[in-house]
Amino acid sequence: MTFYILSDNVDSLVGMRLVGIEGEVLHERQAFLDALEIAIQNPNVGIILITTKLVSLAPSIISEYKLKLPRKIILEVPDRHVESDIGQVIDQYVSEAIGIKL
């Protein structure tokens, strides 16, 4: 199983490629949803990383996929465009993952 990133910017994609994660840069909602569907259908991809800006293009669809996909993990990753404190973002992710508010 491999990782795959769907990003709205080149910086995030390049950073992930440095650690061996492939992906693509997308800006339009339909192109994003098409690429997401292809990643979901790829049996080699186990974890799909999506930047926050792309998640905001289709939050309800992403939530539905998170709940219904038995063998895929979809994670939202903050990028340089996120204006929140990175510590709060990490706390939120950990809280969601373990089900306990930190």
N, C-alpha and C. Protein backbone atom coordinates (compact mmCIF):
# COMPACT_ATOMS: atom_id res chain seq x y z
N MET A 1 0.84 -1.18 0.00
CA MET A 1 0.00 0.00 0.00
C MET A 1 0.89 1.25 0.00
N THR A 2 0.48 2.21 -0.81
CA THR A 2 1.26 3.44 -0.92
C THR A 2 0.41 4.66 -0.58
N PHE A 3 1.09 5.78 -0.42
CA PHE A 3 0.47 7.07 -0.21
C PHE A 3 0.27 7.74 -1.58
N TYR A 4 -0.70 8.65 -1.65
CA TYR A 4 -0.90 9.47 -2.84
C TYR A 4 -1.43 10.81 -2.37
N ILE A 5 -0.89 11.92 -2.92
CA ILE A 5 -1.35 13.24 -2.49
C ILE A 5 -2.07 13.96 -3.62
N LEU A 6 -3.17 14.58 -3.26
CA LEU A 6 -3.89 15.49 -4.14
C LEU A 6 -3.72 16.87 -3.51
N SER A 7 -3.03 17.76 -4.22
CA SER A 7 -2.65 19.05 -3.67
C SER A 7 -3.16 20.19 -4.54
N ASP A 8 -3.34 21.32 -3.90
CA ASP A 8 -3.73 22.52 -4.65
C ASP A 8 -2.51 23.37 -4.99
N ASN A 9 -1.32 22.96 -4.52
CA ASN A 9 -0.12 23.76 -4.81
C ASN A 9 1.09 22.86 -5.02
N VAL A 10 2.02 23.38 -5.77
CA VAL A 10 3.23 22.64 -6.13
C VAL A 10 4.12 22.40 -4.92
N ASP A 11 4.16 23.35 -3.98
CA ASP A 11 5.05 23.22 -2.81
C ASP A 11 4.75 21.95 -2.01
N SER A 12 3.48 21.70 -1.74
CA SER A 12 3.12 20.50 -0.98
C SER A 12 3.47 19.23 -1.75
N LEU A 13 3.21 19.25 -3.05
CA LEU A 13 3.52 18.08 -3.87
C LEU A 13 5.02 17.81 -3.90
N VAL A 14 5.82 18.84 -4.08
CA VAL A 14 7.28 18.67 -4.12
C VAL A 14 7.79 18.14 -2.78
N GLY A 15 7.25 18.68 -1.68
CA GLY A 15 7.64 18.20 -0.35
C GLY A 15 7.35 16.73 -0.18
N MET A 16 6.20 16.30 -0.63
CA MET A 16 5.84 14.89 -0.51
C MET A 16 6.67 14.02 -1.45
N ARG A 17 6.98 14.53 -2.61
CA ARG A 17 7.82 13.75 -3.54
C ARG A 17 9.22 13.53 -2.98
N LEU A 18 9.68 14.45 -2.16
CA LEU A 18 11.00 14.29 -1.54
C LEU A 18 11.05 13.07 -0.62
N VAL A 19 9.90 12.67 -0.10
CA VAL A 19 9.85 11.47 0.75
C VAL A 19 9.24 10.28 0.02
N GLY A 20 9.10 10.39 -1.30
CA GLY A 20 8.67 9.26 -2.11
C GLY A 20 7.17 9.13 -2.34
N ILE A 21 6.41 10.18 -2.06
CA ILE A 21 4.96 10.14 -2.25
C ILE A 21 4.61 10.82 -3.56
N GLU A 22 3.95 10.09 -4.44
CA GLU A 22 3.51 10.65 -5.72
C GLU A 22 2.17 11.33 -5.55
N GLY A 23 1.81 12.14 -6.55
CA GLY A 23 0.52 12.81 -6.50
C GLY A 23 0.36 13.76 -7.66
N GLU A 24 -0.58 14.69 -7.50
CA GLU A 24 -0.82 15.67 -8.56
C GLU A 24 -1.38 16.96 -7.98
N VAL A 25 -1.23 18.03 -8.75
CA VAL A 25 -1.74 19.35 -8.38
C VAL A 25 -3.02 19.60 -9.15
N LEU A 26 -4.05 20.02 -8.42
CA LEU A 26 -5.36 20.26 -9.01
C LEU A 26 -5.93 21.57 -8.47
N HIS A 27 -6.76 22.21 -9.29
CA HIS A 27 -7.35 23.48 -8.84
C HIS A 27 -8.86 23.52 -8.99
N GLU A 28 -9.41 22.76 -9.91
CA GLU A 28 -10.84 22.77 -10.17
C GLU A 28 -11.54 21.63 -9.44
N ARG A 29 -12.77 21.86 -9.01
CA ARG A 29 -13.52 20.88 -8.23
C ARG A 29 -13.70 19.56 -8.99
N GLN A 30 -14.13 19.63 -10.23
CA GLN A 30 -14.39 18.39 -10.98
C GLN A 30 -13.11 17.62 -11.24
N ALA A 31 -12.04 18.31 -11.56
CA ALA A 31 -10.75 17.64 -11.77
C ALA A 31 -10.30 16.96 -10.47
N PHE A 32 -10.51 17.63 -9.35
CA PHE A 32 -10.18 17.06 -8.04
C PHE A 32 -10.99 15.79 -7.78
N LEU A 33 -12.31 15.85 -8.00
CA LEU A 33 -13.16 14.69 -7.75
C LEU A 33 -12.82 13.53 -8.68
N ASP A 34 -12.47 13.83 -9.92
CA ASP A 34 -12.06 12.78 -10.86
C ASP A 34 -10.76 12.11 -10.41
N ALA A 35 -9.79 12.92 -10.00
CA ALA A 35 -8.51 12.38 -9.53
C ALA A 35 -8.69 11.58 -8.24
N LEU A 36 -9.58 12.04 -7.38
CA LEU A 36 -9.87 11.32 -6.14
C LEU A 36 -10.47 9.95 -6.44
N GLU A 37 -11.39 9.91 -7.36
CA GLU A 37 -12.02 8.63 -7.74
C GLU A 37 -10.98 7.67 -8.32
N ILE A 38 -10.07 8.17 -9.13
CA ILE A 38 -9.01 7.32 -9.69
C ILE A 38 -8.11 6.78 -8.57
N ALA A 39 -7.75 7.64 -7.62
CA ALA A 39 -6.92 7.20 -6.49
C ALA A 39 -7.64 6.16 -5.65
N ILE A 40 -8.94 6.35 -5.45
CA ILE A 40 -9.71 5.38 -4.67
C ILE A 40 -9.77 4.04 -5.38
N GLN A 41 -9.88 4.05 -6.69
CA GLN A 41 -9.98 2.81 -7.45
C GLN A 41 -8.63 2.09 -7.61
N ASN A 42 -7.53 2.80 -7.36
CA ASN A 42 -6.20 2.21 -7.49
C ASN A 42 -5.94 1.28 -6.30
N PRO A 43 -5.78 -0.03 -6.54
CA PRO A 43 -5.58 -0.97 -5.44
C PRO A 43 -4.25 -0.80 -4.71
N ASN A 44 -3.31 -0.11 -5.32
CA ASN A 44 -2.00 0.09 -4.69
C ASN A 44 -2.00 1.26 -3.71
N VAL A 45 -2.97 2.14 -3.81
CA VAL A 45 -3.03 3.32 -2.95
C VAL A 45 -3.85 2.98 -1.70
N GLY A 46 -3.23 3.14 -0.53
CA GLY A 46 -3.91 2.87 0.73
C GLY A 46 -4.26 4.12 1.50
N ILE A 47 -3.43 5.16 1.35
CA ILE A 47 -3.65 6.41 2.09
C ILE A 47 -3.63 7.55 1.09
N ILE A 48 -4.71 8.32 1.09
CA ILE A 48 -4.83 9.46 0.19
C ILE A 48 -4.74 10.73 1.02
N LEU A 49 -3.74 11.53 0.74
CA LEU A 49 -3.55 12.82 1.41
C LEU A 49 -4.17 13.91 0.55
N ILE A 50 -4.93 14.81 1.16
CA ILE A 50 -5.59 15.89 0.42
C ILE A 50 -5.35 17.19 1.17
N THR A 51 -4.88 18.21 0.47
CA THR A 51 -4.65 19.50 1.13
C THR A 51 -5.98 20.15 1.52
N THR A 52 -5.91 20.97 2.55
CA THR A 52 -7.10 21.60 3.13
C THR A 52 -7.91 22.37 2.10
N LYS A 53 -7.24 23.08 1.24
CA LYS A 53 -7.96 23.88 0.24
C LYS A 53 -8.78 23.00 -0.70
N LEU A 54 -8.26 21.84 -1.08
CA LEU A 54 -9.02 20.94 -1.93
C LEU A 54 -10.19 20.31 -1.18
N VAL A 55 -9.98 19.97 0.08
CA VAL A 55 -11.07 19.41 0.88
C VAL A 55 -12.23 20.40 0.95
N SER A 56 -11.91 21.68 1.02
CA SER A 56 -12.96 22.70 1.11
C SER A 56 -13.79 22.79 -0.17
N LEU A 57 -13.33 22.22 -1.28
CA LEU A 57 -14.10 22.21 -2.52
C LEU A 57 -15.26 21.21 -2.47
N ALA A 58 -15.13 20.17 -1.65
CA ALA A 58 -16.18 19.14 -1.57
C ALA A 58 -16.17 18.46 -0.20
N PRO A 59 -16.43 19.20 0.87
CA PRO A 59 -16.32 18.62 2.21
C PRO A 59 -17.29 17.47 2.48
N SER A 60 -18.51 17.57 1.98
CA SER A 60 -19.47 16.50 2.25
C SER A 60 -19.09 15.21 1.53
N ILE A 61 -18.56 15.31 0.34
CA ILE A 61 -18.13 14.13 -0.41
C ILE A 61 -16.95 13.47 0.30
N ILE A 62 -16.01 14.28 0.76
CA ILE A 62 -14.84 13.75 1.48
C ILE A 62 -15.29 13.05 2.76
N SER A 63 -16.20 13.65 3.50
CA SER A 63 -16.70 13.03 4.73
C SER A 63 -17.38 11.69 4.44
N GLU A 64 -18.15 11.64 3.38
CA GLU A 64 -18.82 10.39 3.01
C GLU A 64 -17.80 9.31 2.66
N TYR A 65 -16.79 9.67 1.89
CA TYR A 65 -15.74 8.70 1.56
C TYR A 65 -15.02 8.21 2.81
N LYS A 66 -14.74 9.12 3.73
CA LYS A 66 -14.04 8.72 4.97
C LYS A 66 -14.85 7.69 5.74
N LEU A 67 -16.15 7.83 5.73
CA LEU A 67 -17.00 6.91 6.47
C LEU A 67 -17.23 5.58 5.75
N LYS A 68 -17.24 5.59 4.43
CA LYS A 68 -17.66 4.41 3.68
C LYS A 68 -16.55 3.57 3.07
N LEU A 69 -15.35 4.09 2.97
CA LEU A 69 -14.28 3.32 2.32
C LEU A 69 -13.59 2.41 3.33
N PRO A 70 -13.75 1.10 3.17
CA PRO A 70 -13.20 0.19 4.17
C PRO A 70 -11.68 0.01 4.10
N ARG A 71 -11.08 0.17 2.93
CA ARG A 71 -9.66 -0.12 2.78
C ARG A 71 -8.83 1.07 2.36
N LYS A 72 -9.38 2.24 2.50
CA LYS A 72 -8.65 3.47 2.16
C LYS A 72 -8.72 4.42 3.35
N ILE A 73 -7.64 5.14 3.53
CA ILE A 73 -7.61 6.19 4.55
C ILE A 73 -7.45 7.51 3.82
N ILE A 74 -8.32 8.45 4.12
CA ILE A 74 -8.24 9.78 3.53
C ILE A 74 -7.90 10.76 4.64
N LEU A 75 -6.78 11.46 4.46
CA LEU A 75 -6.32 12.42 5.47
C LEU A 75 -6.21 13.81 4.88
N GLU A 76 -6.71 14.78 5.60
CA GLU A 76 -6.55 16.17 5.22
C GLU A 76 -5.22 16.66 5.78
N VAL A 77 -4.41 17.27 4.94
CA VAL A 77 -3.12 17.79 5.39
C VAL A 77 -3.11 19.31 5.22
N PRO A 78 -2.73 20.02 6.26
CA PRO A 78 -2.64 21.47 6.14
C PRO A 78 -1.46 21.85 5.26
N ASP A 79 -1.59 22.94 4.55
CA ASP A 79 -0.48 23.41 3.74
C ASP A 79 -0.15 24.84 4.16
N ARG A 80 0.68 25.49 3.41
CA ARG A 80 1.13 26.81 3.80
C ARG A 80 0.04 27.87 3.74
N HIS A 81 -1.10 27.55 3.13
CA HIS A 81 -2.20 28.51 3.03
C HIS A 81 -3.08 28.53 4.27
N VAL A 82 -2.96 27.52 5.12
CA VAL A 82 -3.81 27.45 6.31
C VAL A 82 -3.37 28.51 7.31
N GLU A 83 -4.34 29.26 7.81
CA GLU A 83 -4.02 30.36 8.71
C GLU A 83 -4.12 29.99 10.19
N SER A 84 -4.37 28.74 10.51
CA SER A 84 -4.49 28.35 11.91
C SER A 84 -3.14 27.96 12.50
N ASP A 85 -3.10 27.86 13.80
CA ASP A 85 -1.90 27.46 14.52
C ASP A 85 -1.66 25.97 14.27
N ILE A 86 -0.45 25.61 13.86
CA ILE A 86 -0.15 24.22 13.52
C ILE A 86 -0.34 23.30 14.72
N GLY A 87 -0.09 23.79 15.93
CA GLY A 87 -0.31 22.98 17.13
C GLY A 87 -1.77 22.61 17.29
N GLN A 88 -2.65 23.55 17.01
CA GLN A 88 -4.09 23.28 17.10
C GLN A 88 -4.51 22.28 16.04
N VAL A 89 -3.96 22.40 14.86
CA VAL A 89 -4.29 21.47 13.78
C VAL A 89 -3.87 20.06 14.16
N ILE A 90 -2.67 19.90 14.69
CA ILE A 90 -2.18 18.58 15.09
C ILE A 90 -3.05 18.01 16.21
N ASP A 91 -3.38 18.84 17.21
CA ASP A 91 -4.27 18.39 18.28
C ASP A 91 -5.61 17.92 17.74
N GLN A 92 -6.14 18.66 16.79
CA GLN A 92 -7.42 18.29 16.19
C GLN A 92 -7.33 16.94 15.48
N TYR A 93 -6.26 16.72 14.72
CA TYR A 93 -6.10 15.45 14.01
C TYR A 93 -5.97 14.29 14.98
N VAL A 94 -5.17 14.48 16.02
CA VAL A 94 -5.00 13.42 17.01
C VAL A 94 -6.32 13.14 17.72
N SER A 95 -7.04 14.19 18.08
CA SER A 95 -8.33 14.02 18.74
C SER A 95 -9.32 13.26 17.86
N GLU A 96 -9.36 13.59 16.59
CA GLU A 96 -10.26 12.88 15.66
C GLU A 96 -9.84 11.42 15.51
N ALA A 97 -8.54 11.20 15.47
CA ALA A 97 -8.04 9.83 15.24
C ALA A 97 -8.33 8.91 16.41
N ILE A 98 -8.16 9.42 17.63
CA ILE A 98 -8.35 8.55 18.80
C ILE A 98 -9.70 8.72 19.48
N GLY A 99 -10.44 9.74 19.06
CA GLY A 99 -11.77 9.94 19.61
C GLY A 99 -11.82 10.58 20.97
N ILE A 100 -10.73 11.20 21.39
CA ILE A 100 -10.67 11.86 22.69
C ILE A 100 -10.17 13.28 22.49
N LYS A 101 -10.87 14.24 23.09
CA LYS A 101 -10.45 15.63 22.97
C LYS A 101 -9.25 15.87 23.87
N LEU A 102 -8.20 16.45 23.27
CA LEU A 102 -6.97 16.74 24.03
C LEU A 102 -7.03 18.11 24.65
